[in-house]
Structures are given as structure tokens and as C-alpha cells.
């Protein structure tokens, strides 16, 4: 279960998304993570860092939903089911790619280039 977010990252990376122009290009900005942002870290910061890696890359709305579900499952697996729901809704509401925030979907790319569609 601990490796699920990493597996999701690899699935997103190799999913065949249509990243214009041409083949998949890595994000322009280097990866960084602030852990669980403004959310309390009670022993599940690796869940947040894995989630940040996927958000940094960006992708489709379905991939974003999968990343958010993986975050919820990871935090719940650490014994925090109620906090997992709060974290899930926090990233669903505050992590849209159209928000010019440093934690948005696709934050490794120039805003608003976080979402891409499959061909």
C-alpha cells in the first residue's frame, strides 16, 4: 500500500497523455514539496510528498482524481480515516489546475498548463 502513490505516478507518466507539443516533456520547474501544506502532519507526510510529485507532473482530470483518491487511501491506511476525508476534499477544492497557486494540479508547469487530455 505504501508504494501505491509511486505506482500511480509511473502510470500517469507512461499513460500516453497528449502533452503538447510532441512527446511528453518534463515540467519546466524543479520538483519541491512542502509536505502536507497547511494540513497537520500526524505521521503521514510521505503520503503528501507522493501526492505532490503527481500534482507537480499534472495530467488529465481523471489522473488528478486518482492522485487524490490515493492520498485519501494512504492517510486512512496510516490510521487517520477522518483526516483522510478532510485532506481529500481539501485537495479536490483547492488543487484545481486553473488556480494560480503553488500547490495546484500541474504546479511544475507554467500556469495554467496543468491539465492535458488523452488523444
PDB file of N, CA and C in Angstrom:
ATOM      1  N   UNK A   1       0.830  -1.191   0.000  1.00  0.00           N
ATOM      2  CA  UNK A   1       0.000   0.000   0.000  1.00  0.00           C
ATOM      3  C   UNK A   1       0.869   1.248   0.000  1.00  0.00           C
ATOM      4  N   UNK A   2       2.032   1.134   0.634  1.00  0.00           N
ATOM      5  CA  UNK A   2       2.938   2.268   0.736  1.00  0.00           C
ATOM      6  C   UNK A   2       3.447   2.706  -0.637  1.00  0.00           C
ATOM      7  N   UNK A   3       3.528   1.786  -1.581  1.00  0.00           N
ATOM      8  CA  UNK A   3       4.059   2.083  -2.911  1.00  0.00           C
ATOM      9  C   UNK A   3       2.979   2.488  -3.898  1.00  0.00           C
ATOM     10  N   UNK A   4       1.713   2.472  -3.493  1.00  0.00           N
ATOM     11  CA  UNK A   4       0.618   2.795  -4.398  1.00  0.00           C
ATOM     12  C   UNK A   4       0.754   4.175  -5.035  1.00  0.00           C
ATOM     13  N   UNK A   5       1.055   5.234  -4.269  1.00  0.00           N
ATOM     14  CA  UNK A   5       1.205   6.542  -4.921  1.00  0.00           C
ATOM     15  C   UNK A   5       2.334   6.569  -5.955  1.00  0.00           C
ATOM     16  N   UNK A   6       3.434   5.865  -5.670  1.00  0.00           N
ATOM     17  CA  UNK A   6       4.529   5.817  -6.635  1.00  0.00           C
ATOM     18  C   UNK A   6       4.108   5.070  -7.897  1.00  0.00           C
ATOM     19  N   UNK A   7       3.366   3.987  -7.727  1.00  0.00           N
ATOM     20  CA  UNK A   7       2.856   3.254  -8.890  1.00  0.00           C
ATOM     21  C   UNK A   7       1.903   4.120  -9.710  1.00  0.00           C
ATOM     22  N   UNK A   8       1.098   4.911  -9.026  1.00  0.00           N
ATOM     23  CA  UNK A   8       0.183   5.813  -9.729  1.00  0.00           C
ATOM     24  C   UNK A   8       0.983   6.846 -10.519  1.00  0.00           C
ATOM     25  N   UNK A   9       2.061   7.359  -9.925  1.00  0.00           N
ATOM     26  CA  UNK A   9       2.911   8.320 -10.627  1.00  0.00           C
ATOM     27  C   UNK A   9       3.469   7.705 -11.906  1.00  0.00           C
ATOM     28  N   UNK A  10       3.981   6.495 -11.834  1.00  0.00           N
ATOM     29  CA  UNK A  10       4.500   5.832 -13.027  1.00  0.00           C
ATOM     30  C   UNK A  10       3.393   5.605 -14.051  1.00  0.00           C
ATOM     31  N   UNK A  11       2.196   5.227 -13.587  1.00  0.00           N
ATOM     32  CA  UNK A  11       1.078   5.024 -14.512  1.00  0.00           C
ATOM     33  C   UNK A  11       0.718   6.320 -15.218  1.00  0.00           C
ATOM     34  N   UNK A  12       0.719   7.424 -14.489  1.00  0.00           N
ATOM     35  CA  UNK A  12       0.414   8.716 -15.094  1.00  0.00           C
ATOM     36  C   UNK A  12       1.500   9.092 -16.094  1.00  0.00           C
ATOM     37  N   UNK A  13       2.751   8.892 -15.712  1.00  0.00           N
ATOM     38  CA  UNK A  13       3.866   9.280 -16.566  1.00  0.00           C
ATOM     39  C   UNK A  13       3.868   8.520 -17.885  1.00  0.00           C
ATOM     40  N   UNK A  14       3.523   7.234 -17.836  1.00  0.00           N
ATOM     41  CA  UNK A  14       3.575   6.405 -19.042  1.00  0.00           C
ATOM     42  C   UNK A  14       2.197   6.159 -19.646  1.00  0.00           C
ATOM     43  N   UNK A  15       1.212   6.982 -19.317  1.00  0.00           N
ATOM     44  CA  UNK A  15      -0.161   6.725 -19.752  1.00  0.00           C
ATOM     45  C   UNK A  15      -0.459   7.153 -21.180  1.00  0.00           C
ATOM     46  N   UNK A  16       0.438   7.845 -21.837  1.00  0.00           N
ATOM     47  CA  UNK A  16       0.184   8.265 -23.205  1.00  0.00           C
ATOM     48  C   UNK A  16      -0.605   9.556 -23.290  1.00  0.00           C
ATOM     49  N   UNK A  17      -0.528  10.394 -22.283  1.00  0.00           N
ATOM     50  CA  UNK A  17      -1.222  11.687 -22.327  1.00  0.00           C
ATOM     51  C   UNK A  17      -0.712  12.500 -23.509  1.00  0.00           C
ATOM     52  N   UNK A  18      -1.545  13.363 -24.006  1.00  0.00           N
ATOM     53  CA  UNK A  18      -1.177  14.211 -25.132  1.00  0.00           C
ATOM     54  C   UNK A  18      -0.619  15.523 -24.591  1.00  0.00           C
ATOM     55  N   UNK A  19       0.674  15.531 -24.285  1.00  0.00           N
ATOM     56  CA  UNK A  19       1.328  16.727 -23.784  1.00  0.00           C
ATOM     57  C   UNK A  19       1.880  17.505 -24.961  1.00  0.00           C
ATOM     58  N   UNK A  20       1.221  18.594 -25.351  1.00  0.00           N
ATOM     59  CA  UNK A  20       1.724  19.354 -26.480  1.00  0.00           C
ATOM     60  C   UNK A  20       2.972  20.132 -26.109  1.00  0.00           C
ATOM     61  N   UNK A  21       3.886  20.411 -26.994  1.00  0.00           N
ATOM     62  CA  UNK A  21       3.968  19.817 -28.322  1.00  0.00           C
ATOM     63  C   UNK A  21       4.792  18.527 -28.289  1.00  0.00           C
ATOM     64  N   UNK A  22       4.447  17.578 -29.109  1.00  0.00           N
ATOM     65  CA  UNK A  22       5.227  16.357 -29.273  1.00  0.00           C
ATOM     66  C   UNK A  22       5.184  15.437 -28.077  1.00  0.00           C
ATOM     67  N   UNK A  23       6.281  14.718 -27.859  1.00  0.00           N
ATOM     68  CA  UNK A  23       6.306  13.729 -26.779  1.00  0.00           C
ATOM     69  C   UNK A  23       6.278  14.386 -25.402  1.00  0.00           C
ATOM     70  N   UNK A  24       6.013  13.559 -24.405  1.00  0.00           N
ATOM     71  CA  UNK A  24       5.935  14.034 -23.035  1.00  0.00           C
ATOM     72  C   UNK A  24       7.210  14.750 -22.630  1.00  0.00           C
ATOM     73  N   UNK A  25       7.061  15.948 -22.168  1.00  0.00           N
ATOM     74  CA  UNK A  25       8.186  16.743 -21.697  1.00  0.00           C
ATOM     75  C   UNK A  25       8.084  16.862 -20.176  1.00  0.00           C
ATOM     76  N   UNK A  26       9.215  16.819 -19.486  1.00  0.00           N
ATOM     77  CA  UNK A  26       9.139  17.011 -18.037  1.00  0.00           C
ATOM     78  C   UNK A  26       8.711  18.444 -17.716  1.00  0.00           C
ATOM     79  N   UNK A  27       8.148  18.643 -16.551  1.00  0.00           N
ATOM     80  CA  UNK A  27       7.768  20.007 -16.160  1.00  0.00           C
ATOM     81  C   UNK A  27       8.964  20.948 -16.184  1.00  0.00           C
ATOM     82  N   UNK A  28       8.687  22.224 -16.422  1.00  0.00           N
ATOM     83  CA  UNK A  28       9.734  23.243 -16.506  1.00  0.00           C
ATOM     84  C   UNK A  28      10.355  23.550 -15.151  1.00  0.00           C
ATOM     85  N   UNK A  29       9.550  23.469 -14.106  1.00  0.00           N
ATOM     86  CA  UNK A  29      10.009  23.840 -12.773  1.00  0.00           C
ATOM     87  C   UNK A  29      10.509  22.599 -12.034  1.00  0.00           C
ATOM     88  N   UNK A  30      11.553  22.749 -11.204  1.00  0.00           N
ATOM     89  CA  UNK A  30      12.031  21.596 -10.431  1.00  0.00           C
ATOM     90  C   UNK A  30      11.007  21.192  -9.374  1.00  0.00           C
ATOM     91  N   UNK A  31      11.037  19.910  -9.021  1.00  0.00           N
ATOM     92  CA  UNK A  31      10.099  19.420  -8.021  1.00  0.00           C
ATOM     93  C   UNK A  31      10.451  19.961  -6.633  1.00  0.00           C
ATOM     94  N   UNK A  32       9.426  20.301  -5.889  1.00  0.00           N
ATOM     95  CA  UNK A  32       9.566  20.617  -4.470  1.00  0.00           C
ATOM     96  C   UNK A  32       8.283  20.169  -3.781  1.00  0.00           C
ATOM     97  N   UNK A  33       8.375  19.966  -2.508  1.00  0.00           N
ATOM     98  CA  UNK A  33       7.201  19.600  -1.728  1.00  0.00           C
ATOM     99  C   UNK A  33       7.244  20.350  -0.411  1.00  0.00           C
ATOM    100  N   UNK A  34       6.094  20.814   0.017  1.00  0.00           N
ATOM    101  CA  UNK A  34       6.002  21.431   1.333  1.00  0.00           C
ATOM    102  C   UNK A  34       5.350  20.469   2.317  1.00  0.00           C
ATOM    103  N   UNK A  35       5.433  19.186   1.993  1.00  0.00           N
ATOM    104  CA  UNK A  35       4.821  18.174   2.857  1.00  0.00           C
ATOM    105  C   UNK A  35       3.314  18.232   2.740  1.00  0.00           C
ATOM    106  N   UNK A  36       2.657  18.429   3.832  1.00  0.00           N
ATOM    107  CA  UNK A  36       1.193  18.440   3.837  1.00  0.00           C
ATOM    108  C   UNK A  36       0.619  19.856   3.817  1.00  0.00           C
ATOM    109  N   UNK A  37       1.375  20.794   3.269  1.00  0.00           N
ATOM    110  CA  UNK A  37       0.949  22.198   3.154  1.00  0.00           C
ATOM    111  C   UNK A  37       0.489  22.718   4.505  1.00  0.00           C
ATOM    112  N   UNK A  38      -0.722  23.215   4.581  1.00  0.00           N
ATOM    113  CA  UNK A  38      -1.249  23.780   5.822  1.00  0.00           C
ATOM    114  C   UNK A  38      -2.022  22.747   6.632  1.00  0.00           C
ATOM    115  N   UNK A  39      -1.930  21.492   6.228  1.00  0.00           N
ATOM    116  CA  UNK A  39      -2.650  20.414   6.891  1.00  0.00           C
ATOM    117  C   UNK A  39      -1.741  19.788   7.940  1.00  0.00           C
ATOM    118  N   UNK A  40      -2.261  19.411   9.100  1.00  0.00           N
ATOM    119  CA  UNK A  40      -1.384  18.847  10.141  1.00  0.00           C
ATOM    120  C   UNK A  40      -0.758  17.531   9.698  1.00  0.00           C
ATOM    121  N   UNK A  41       0.529  17.357   9.989  1.00  0.00           N
ATOM    122  CA  UNK A  41       1.207  16.110   9.677  1.00  0.00           C
ATOM    123  C   UNK A  41       1.261  15.279  10.947  1.00  0.00           C
ATOM    124  N   UNK A  42       0.496  14.216  10.947  1.00  0.00           N
ATOM    125  CA  UNK A  42       0.445  13.332  12.106  1.00  0.00           C
ATOM    126  C   UNK A  42       0.957  11.946  11.729  1.00  0.00           C
ATOM    127  N   UNK A  43       2.110  11.930  11.052  1.00  0.00           N
ATOM    128  CA  UNK A  43       2.727  10.654  10.709  1.00  0.00           C
ATOM    129  C   UNK A  43       2.432  10.148   9.317  1.00  0.00           C
ATOM    130  N   UNK A  44       1.979  10.996   8.441  1.00  0.00           N
ATOM    131  CA  UNK A  44       1.684  10.556   7.076  1.00  0.00           C
ATOM    132  C   UNK A  44       2.258  11.516   6.032  1.00  0.00           C
ATOM    133  N   UNK A  45       3.357  12.187   6.348  1.00  0.00           N
ATOM    134  CA  UNK A  45       3.906  13.172   5.407  1.00  0.00           C
ATOM    135  C   UNK A  45       4.349  12.536   4.092  1.00  0.00           C
ATOM    136  N   UNK A  46       4.770  11.253   4.111  1.00  0.00           N
ATOM    137  CA  UNK A  46       5.155  10.623   2.842  1.00  0.00           C
ATOM    138  C   UNK A  46       3.972  10.514   1.888  1.00  0.00           C
ATOM    139  N   UNK A  47       2.755  10.407   2.417  1.00  0.00           N
ATOM    140  CA  UNK A  47       1.558  10.401   1.564  1.00  0.00           C
ATOM    141  C   UNK A  47       1.454  11.734   0.815  1.00  0.00           C
ATOM    142  N   UNK A  48       1.713  12.818   1.535  1.00  0.00           N
ATOM    143  CA  UNK A  48       1.615  14.159   0.955  1.00  0.00           C
ATOM    144  C   UNK A  48       2.721  14.408  -0.066  1.00  0.00           C
ATOM    145  N   UNK A  49       3.930  13.945   0.216  1.00  0.00           N
ATOM    146  CA  UNK A  49       5.043  14.137  -0.718  1.00  0.00           C
ATOM    147  C   UNK A  49       4.786  13.344  -2.004  1.00  0.00           C
ATOM    148  N   UNK A  50       4.300  12.109  -1.872  1.00  0.00           N
ATOM    149  CA  UNK A  50       3.966  11.326  -3.069  1.00  0.00           C
ATOM    150  C   UNK A  50       2.871  12.013  -3.877  1.00  0.00           C
ATOM    151  N   UNK A  51       1.882  12.562  -3.189  1.00  0.00           N
ATOM    152  CA  UNK A  51       0.794  13.291  -3.842  1.00  0.00           C
ATOM    153  C   UNK A  51       1.337  14.533  -4.551  1.00  0.00           C
ATOM    154  N   UNK A  52       2.263  15.235  -3.903  1.00  0.00           N
ATOM    155  CA  UNK A  52       2.867  16.426  -4.517  1.00  0.00           C
ATOM    156  C   UNK A  52       3.615  16.080  -5.799  1.00  0.00           C
ATOM    157  N   UNK A  53       4.296  14.931  -5.830  1.00  0.00           N
ATOM    158  CA  UNK A  53       5.020  14.525  -7.053  1.00  0.00           C
ATOM    159  C   UNK A  53       4.058  14.357  -8.227  1.00  0.00           C
ATOM    160  N   UNK A  54       2.921  13.769  -7.959  1.00  0.00           N
ATOM    161  CA  UNK A  54       1.928  13.568  -9.019  1.00  0.00           C
ATOM    162  C   UNK A  54       1.330  14.909  -9.432  1.00  0.00           C
ATOM    163  N   UNK A  55       1.033  15.776  -8.473  1.00  0.00           N
ATOM    164  CA  UNK A  55       0.493  17.102  -8.782  1.00  0.00           C
ATOM    165  C   UNK A  55       1.501  17.941  -9.565  1.00  0.00           C
ATOM    166  N   UNK A  56       2.754  17.813  -9.238  1.00  0.00           N
ATOM    167  CA  UNK A  56       3.817  18.539  -9.945  1.00  0.00           C
ATOM    168  C   UNK A  56       3.792  18.192 -11.432  1.00  0.00           C
ATOM    169  N   UNK A  57       3.619  16.934 -11.747  1.00  0.00           N
ATOM    170  CA  UNK A  57       3.617  16.479 -13.135  1.00  0.00           C
ATOM    171  C   UNK A  57       2.384  16.962 -13.897  1.00  0.00           C
ATOM    172  N   UNK A  58       1.223  16.919 -13.258  1.00  0.00           N
ATOM    173  CA  UNK A  58      -0.015  17.301 -13.946  1.00  0.00           C
ATOM    174  C   UNK A  58      -0.547  16.161 -14.794  1.00  0.00           C
ATOM    175  N   UNK A  59      -1.554  16.429 -15.599  1.00  0.00           N
ATOM    176  CA  UNK A  59      -2.168  15.401 -16.434  1.00  0.00           C
ATOM    177  C   UNK A  59      -3.641  15.675 -16.629  1.00  0.00           C
ATOM    178  N   UNK A  60      -4.399  14.602 -16.758  1.00  0.00           N
ATOM    179  CA  UNK A  60      -5.832  14.728 -17.022  1.00  0.00           C
ATOM    180  C   UNK A  60      -6.611  14.894 -15.719  1.00  0.00           C
ATOM    181  N   UNK A  61      -7.849  15.339 -15.816  1.00  0.00           N
ATOM    182  CA  UNK A  61      -8.688  15.402 -14.614  1.00  0.00           C
ATOM    183  C   UNK A  61      -8.871  14.023 -13.957  1.00  0.00           C
ATOM    184  N   UNK A  62      -8.951  12.962 -14.754  1.00  0.00           N
ATOM    185  CA  UNK A  62      -9.074  11.610 -14.188  1.00  0.00           C
ATOM    186  C   UNK A  62      -7.822  11.226 -13.406  1.00  0.00           C
ATOM    187  N   UNK A  63      -6.671  11.635 -13.887  1.00  0.00           N
ATOM    188  CA  UNK A  63      -5.427  11.345 -13.174  1.00  0.00           C
ATOM    189  C   UNK A  63      -5.354  12.133 -11.878  1.00  0.00           C
ATOM    190  N   UNK A  64      -5.872  13.329 -11.898  1.00  0.00           N
ATOM    191  CA  UNK A  64      -5.915  14.125 -10.662  1.00  0.00           C
ATOM    192  C   UNK A  64      -6.809  13.448  -9.639  1.00  0.00           C
ATOM    193  N   UNK A  65      -7.959  12.975 -10.084  1.00  0.00           N
ATOM    194  CA  UNK A  65      -8.884  12.271  -9.166  1.00  0.00           C
ATOM    195  C   UNK A  65      -8.212  11.029  -8.585  1.00  0.00           C
ATOM    196  N   UNK A  66      -7.480  10.282  -9.414  1.00  0.00           N
ATOM    197  CA  UNK A  66      -6.778   9.087  -8.934  1.00  0.00           C
ATOM    198  C   UNK A  66      -5.716   9.458  -7.901  1.00  0.00           C
ATOM    199  N   UNK A  67      -5.004  10.550  -8.121  1.00  0.00           N
ATOM    200  CA  UNK A  67      -3.985  11.007  -7.164  1.00  0.00           C
ATOM    201  C   UNK A  67      -4.635  11.395  -5.841  1.00  0.00           C
ATOM    202  N   UNK A  68      -5.769  12.071  -5.908  1.00  0.00           N
ATOM    203  CA  UNK A  68      -6.466  12.487  -4.695  1.00  0.00           C
ATOM    204  C   UNK A  68      -7.029  11.280  -3.949  1.00  0.00           C
ATOM    205  N   UNK A  69      -7.542  10.300  -4.687  1.00  0.00           N
ATOM    206  CA  UNK A  69      -8.015   9.063  -4.059  1.00  0.00           C
ATOM    207  C   UNK A  69      -6.858   8.327  -3.380  1.00  0.00           C
ATOM    208  N   UNK A  70      -5.691   8.293  -4.036  1.00  0.00           N
ATOM    209  CA  UNK A  70      -4.519   7.631  -3.453  1.00  0.00           C
ATOM    210  C   UNK A  70      -4.084   8.332  -2.167  1.00  0.00           C
ATOM    211  N   UNK A  71      -4.151   9.660  -2.141  1.00  0.00           N
ATOM    212  CA  UNK A  71      -3.821  10.403  -0.925  1.00  0.00           C
ATOM    213  C   UNK A  71      -4.781  10.023   0.193  1.00  0.00           C
ATOM    214  N   UNK A  72      -6.064   9.988  -0.105  1.00  0.00           N
ATOM    215  CA  UNK A  72      -7.073   9.635   0.899  1.00  0.00           C
ATOM    216  C   UNK A  72      -6.814   8.228   1.445  1.00  0.00           C
ATOM    217  N   UNK A  73      -6.552   7.290   0.556  1.00  0.00           N
ATOM    218  CA  UNK A  73      -6.306   5.913   0.981  1.00  0.00           C
ATOM    219  C   UNK A  73      -5.032   5.792   1.807  1.00  0.00           C
ATOM    220  N   UNK A  74      -4.002   6.520   1.419  1.00  0.00           N
ATOM    221  CA  UNK A  74      -2.733   6.461   2.134  1.00  0.00           C
ATOM    222  C   UNK A  74      -2.880   6.995   3.558  1.00  0.00           C
ATOM    223  N   UNK A  75      -3.540   8.127   3.722  1.00  0.00           N
ATOM    224  CA  UNK A  75      -3.720   8.710   5.052  1.00  0.00           C
ATOM    225  C   UNK A  75      -4.624   7.819   5.900  1.00  0.00           C
ATOM    226  N   UNK A  76      -5.668   7.262   5.294  1.00  0.00           N
ATOM    227  CA  UNK A  76      -6.553   6.350   6.033  1.00  0.00           C
ATOM    228  C   UNK A  76      -5.792   5.105   6.480  1.00  0.00           C
ATOM    229  N   UNK A  77      -4.903   4.605   5.638  1.00  0.00           N
ATOM    230  CA  UNK A  77      -4.110   3.419   5.983  1.00  0.00           C
ATOM    231  C   UNK A  77      -3.151   3.689   7.144  1.00  0.00           C
ATOM    232  N   UNK A  78      -2.841   4.959   7.368  1.00  0.00           N
ATOM    233  CA  UNK A  78      -1.981   5.348   8.495  1.00  0.00           C
ATOM    234  C   UNK A  78      -2.799   5.523   9.775  1.00  0.00           C
ATOM    235  N   UNK A  79      -4.092   5.161   9.742  1.00  0.00           N
ATOM    236  CA  UNK A  79      -4.932   5.219  10.930  1.00  0.00           C
ATOM    237  C   UNK A  79      -5.658   6.531  11.128  1.00  0.00           C
ATOM    238  N   UNK A  80      -5.786   7.322  10.074  1.00  0.00           N
ATOM    239  CA  UNK A  80      -6.449   8.630  10.176  1.00  0.00           C
ATOM    240  C   UNK A  80      -7.597   8.739   9.165  1.00  0.00           C
ATOM    241  N   UNK A  81      -8.647   7.915   9.312  1.00  0.00           N
ATOM    242  CA  UNK A  81      -9.720   7.930   8.313  1.00  0.00           C
ATOM    243  C   UNK A  81     -10.473   9.255   8.212  1.00  0.00           C
ATOM    244  N   UNK A  82     -10.713   9.917   9.339  1.00  0.00           N
ATOM    245  CA  UNK A  82     -11.440  11.192   9.295  1.00  0.00           C
ATOM    246  C   UNK A  82     -10.576  12.268   8.641  1.00  0.00           C
ATOM    247  N   UNK A  83      -9.305  12.331   9.008  1.00  0.00           N
ATOM    248  CA  UNK A  83      -8.403  13.305   8.393  1.00  0.00           C
ATOM    249  C   UNK A  83      -8.205  13.016   6.908  1.00  0.00           C
ATOM    250  N   UNK A  84      -8.282  11.743   6.534  1.00  0.00           N
ATOM    251  CA  UNK A  84      -8.123  11.406   5.115  1.00  0.00           C
ATOM    252  C   UNK A  84      -9.235  12.023   4.279  1.00  0.00           C
ATOM    253  N   UNK A  85     -10.448  12.056   4.830  1.00  0.00           N
ATOM    254  CA  UNK A  85     -11.573  12.678   4.122  1.00  0.00           C
ATOM    255  C   UNK A  85     -11.380  14.195   4.022  1.00  0.00           C
ATOM    256  N   UNK A  86     -10.893  14.793   5.103  1.00  0.00           N
ATOM    257  CA  UNK A  86     -10.652  16.242   5.093  1.00  0.00           C
ATOM    258  C   UNK A  86      -9.555  16.599   4.088  1.00  0.00           C
ATOM    259  N   UNK A  87      -8.496  15.805   4.059  1.00  0.00           N
ATOM    260  CA  UNK A  87      -7.407  16.053   3.107  1.00  0.00           C
ATOM    261  C   UNK A  87      -7.911  15.889   1.680  1.00  0.00           C
ATOM    262  N   UNK A  88      -8.704  14.846   1.445  1.00  0.00           N
ATOM    263  CA  UNK A  88      -9.254  14.594   0.105  1.00  0.00           C
ATOM    264  C   UNK A  88     -10.050  15.802  -0.381  1.00  0.00           C
ATOM    265  N   UNK A  89     -10.969  16.283   0.440  1.00  0.00           N
ATOM    266  CA  UNK A  89     -11.800  17.408  -0.001  1.00  0.00           C
ATOM    267  C   UNK A  89     -11.004  18.701  -0.069  1.00  0.00           C
ATOM    268  N   UNK A  90      -9.976  18.822   0.744  1.00  0.00           N
ATOM    269  CA  UNK A  90      -9.113  19.993   0.657  1.00  0.00           C
ATOM    270  C   UNK A  90      -8.395  20.073  -0.677  1.00  0.00           C
ATOM    271  N   UNK A  91      -7.844  18.940  -1.142  1.00  0.00           N
ATOM    272  CA  UNK A  91      -7.139  18.964  -2.430  1.00  0.00           C
ATOM    273  C   UNK A  91      -8.109  18.993  -3.601  1.00  0.00           C
ATOM    274  N   UNK A  92      -9.288  18.413  -3.436  1.00  0.00           N
ATOM    275  CA  UNK A  92     -10.285  18.470  -4.517  1.00  0.00           C
ATOM    276  C   UNK A  92     -10.742  19.914  -4.735  1.00  0.00           C
ATOM    277  N   UNK A  93     -10.950  20.639  -3.648  1.00  0.00           N
ATOM    278  CA  UNK A  93     -11.447  22.011  -3.764  1.00  0.00           C
ATOM    279  C   UNK A  93     -10.332  23.023  -4.021  1.00  0.00           C
ATOM    280  N   UNK A  94      -9.164  22.826  -3.434  1.00  0.00           N
ATOM    281  CA  UNK A  94      -8.107  23.826  -3.517  1.00  0.00           C
ATOM    282  C   UNK A  94      -6.972  23.510  -4.464  1.00  0.00           C
ATOM    283  N   UNK A  95      -7.041  22.382  -5.184  1.00  0.00           N
ATOM    284  CA  UNK A  95      -5.930  21.984  -6.034  1.00  0.00           C
ATOM    285  C   UNK A  95      -6.176  22.044  -7.524  1.00  0.00           C
ATOM    286  N   UNK A  96      -7.255  22.695  -7.945  1.00  0.00           N
ATOM    287  CA  UNK A  96      -7.547  22.784  -9.380  1.00  0.00           C
ATOM    288  C   UNK A  96      -6.393  23.408 -10.151  1.00  0.00           C
ATOM    289  N   UNK A  97      -6.174  22.935 -11.364  1.00  0.00           N
ATOM    290  CA  UNK A  97      -5.117  23.452 -12.212  1.00  0.00           C
ATOM    291  C   UNK A  97      -5.337  24.883 -12.659  1.00  0.00           C
ATOM    292  N   UNK A  98      -6.574  25.356 -12.604  1.00  0.00           N
ATOM    293  CA  UNK A  98      -6.829  26.735 -13.034  1.00  0.00           C
ATOM    294  C   UNK A  98      -6.545  27.748 -11.932  1.00  0.00           C
ATOM    295  N   UNK A  99      -6.210  27.271 -10.728  1.00  0.00           N
ATOM    296  CA  UNK A  99      -5.845  28.198  -9.652  1.00  0.00           C
ATOM    297  C   UNK A  99      -4.362  28.556  -9.760  1.00  0.00           C
ATOM    298  N   UNK A 100      -3.989  29.812  -9.672  1.00  0.00           N
ATOM    299  CA  UNK A 100      -2.574  30.201  -9.775  1.00  0.00           C
ATOM    300  C   UNK A 100      -1.833  30.044  -8.444  1.00  0.00           C
ATOM    301  N   UNK A 101      -1.965  28.890  -7.822  1.00  0.00           N
ATOM    302  CA  UNK A 101      -1.365  28.637  -6.517  1.00  0.00           C
ATOM    303  C   UNK A 101      -0.177  27.686  -6.649  1.00  0.00           C
ATOM    304  N   UNK A 102       0.766  27.732  -5.731  1.00  0.00           N
ATOM    305  CA  UNK A 102       1.948  26.866  -5.831  1.00  0.00           C
ATOM    306  C   UNK A 102       1.654  25.394  -5.572  1.00  0.00           C
ATOM    307  N   UNK A 103       0.464  25.041  -5.120  1.00  0.00           N
ATOM    308  CA  UNK A 103       0.124  23.643  -4.854  1.00  0.00           C
ATOM    309  C   UNK A 103      -0.883  23.095  -5.860  1.00  0.00           C
ATOM    310  N   UNK A 104      -1.190  23.833  -6.899  1.00  0.00           N
ATOM    311  CA  UNK A 104      -2.222  23.439  -7.866  1.00  0.00           C
ATOM    312  C   UNK A 104      -1.796  22.220  -8.683  1.00  0.00           C
ATOM    313  N   UNK A 105      -2.754  21.609  -9.356  1.00  0.00           N
ATOM    314  CA  UNK A 105      -2.501  20.500 -10.263  1.00  0.00           C
ATOM    315  C   UNK A 105      -1.586  20.981 -11.385  1.00  0.00           C
ATOM    316  N   UNK A 106      -0.496  20.275 -11.614  1.00  0.00           N
ATOM    317  CA  UNK A 106       0.461  20.654 -12.639  1.00  0.00           C
ATOM    318  C   UNK A 106       1.352  21.805 -12.223  1.00  0.00           C
ATOM    319  N   UNK A 107       1.658  21.931 -10.927  1.00  0.00           N
ATOM    320  CA  UNK A 107       2.422  23.093 -10.467  1.00  0.00           C
ATOM    321  C   UNK A 107       3.860  23.111 -10.976  1.00  0.00           C
ATOM    322  N   UNK A 108       4.311  22.039 -11.598  1.00  0.00           N
ATOM    323  CA  UNK A 108       5.641  22.043 -12.208  1.00  0.00           C
ATOM    324  C   UNK A 108       5.657  22.719 -13.566  1.00  0.00           C
ATOM    325  N   UNK A 109       4.501  23.043 -14.065  1.00  0.00           N
ATOM    326  CA  UNK A 109       4.363  23.681 -15.383  1.00  0.00           C
ATOM    327  C   UNK A 109       3.871  25.115 -15.202  1.00  0.00           C
ATOM    328  N   UNK A 110       4.069  25.905 -16.249  1.00  0.00           N
ATOM    329  CA  UNK A 110       3.565  27.280 -16.188  1.00  0.00           C
ATOM    330  C   UNK A 110       2.045  27.261 -16.069  1.00  0.00           C
ATOM    331  N   UNK A 111       1.541  28.155 -15.261  1.00  0.00           N
ATOM    332  CA  UNK A 111       0.093  28.266 -15.114  1.00  0.00           C
ATOM    333  C   UNK A 111      -0.486  28.874 -16.379  1.00  0.00           C
ATOM    334  N   UNK A 112      -1.564  28.406 -16.916  1.00  0.00           N
ATOM    335  CA  UNK A 112      -2.484  27.373 -16.468  1.00  0.00           C
ATOM    336  C   UNK A 112      -2.315  26.041 -17.196  1.00  0.00           C
ATOM    337  N   UNK A 113      -1.102  25.590 -17.424  1.00  0.00           N
ATOM    338  CA  UNK A 113      -0.850  24.382 -18.226  1.00  0.00           C
ATOM    339  C   UNK A 113      -0.867  23.086 -17.432  1.00  0.00           C
ATOM    340  N   UNK A 114      -1.719  22.943 -16.439  1.00  0.00           N
ATOM    341  CA  UNK A 114      -1.735  21.746 -15.623  1.00  0.00           C
ATOM    342  C   UNK A 114      -2.524  20.585 -16.174  1.00  0.00           C
ATOM    343  N   UNK A 115      -3.578  20.864 -16.971  1.00  0.00           N
ATOM    344  CA  UNK A 115      -4.427  19.792 -17.471  1.00  0.00           C
ATOM    345  C   UNK A 115      -4.118  19.469 -18.917  1.00  0.00           C
ATOM    346  N   UNK A 116      -4.108  18.193 -19.211  1.00  0.00           N
ATOM    347  CA  UNK A 116      -3.940  17.709 -20.575  1.00  0.00           C
ATOM    348  C   UNK A 116      -4.954  16.624 -20.810  1.00  0.00           C
ATOM    349  N   UNK A 117      -5.391  16.487 -22.044  1.00  0.00           N
ATOM    350  CA  UNK A 117      -6.383  15.451 -22.337  1.00  0.00           C
ATOM    351  C   UNK A 117      -5.727  14.322 -23.110  1.00  0.00           C
ATOM    352  N   UNK A 118      -6.349  13.146 -22.991  1.00  0.00           N
ATOM    353  CA  UNK A 118      -5.857  11.987 -23.738  1.00  0.00           C
ATOM    354  C   UNK A 118      -6.301  12.120 -25.192  1.00  0.00           C
ATOM    355  N   UNK A 119      -5.509  11.593 -26.124  1.00  0.00           N
ATOM    356  CA  UNK A 119      -5.891  11.694 -27.546  1.00  0.00           C
ATOM    357  C   UNK A 119      -7.128  10.863 -27.838  1.00  0.00           C
TER     358      UNK A 119
END
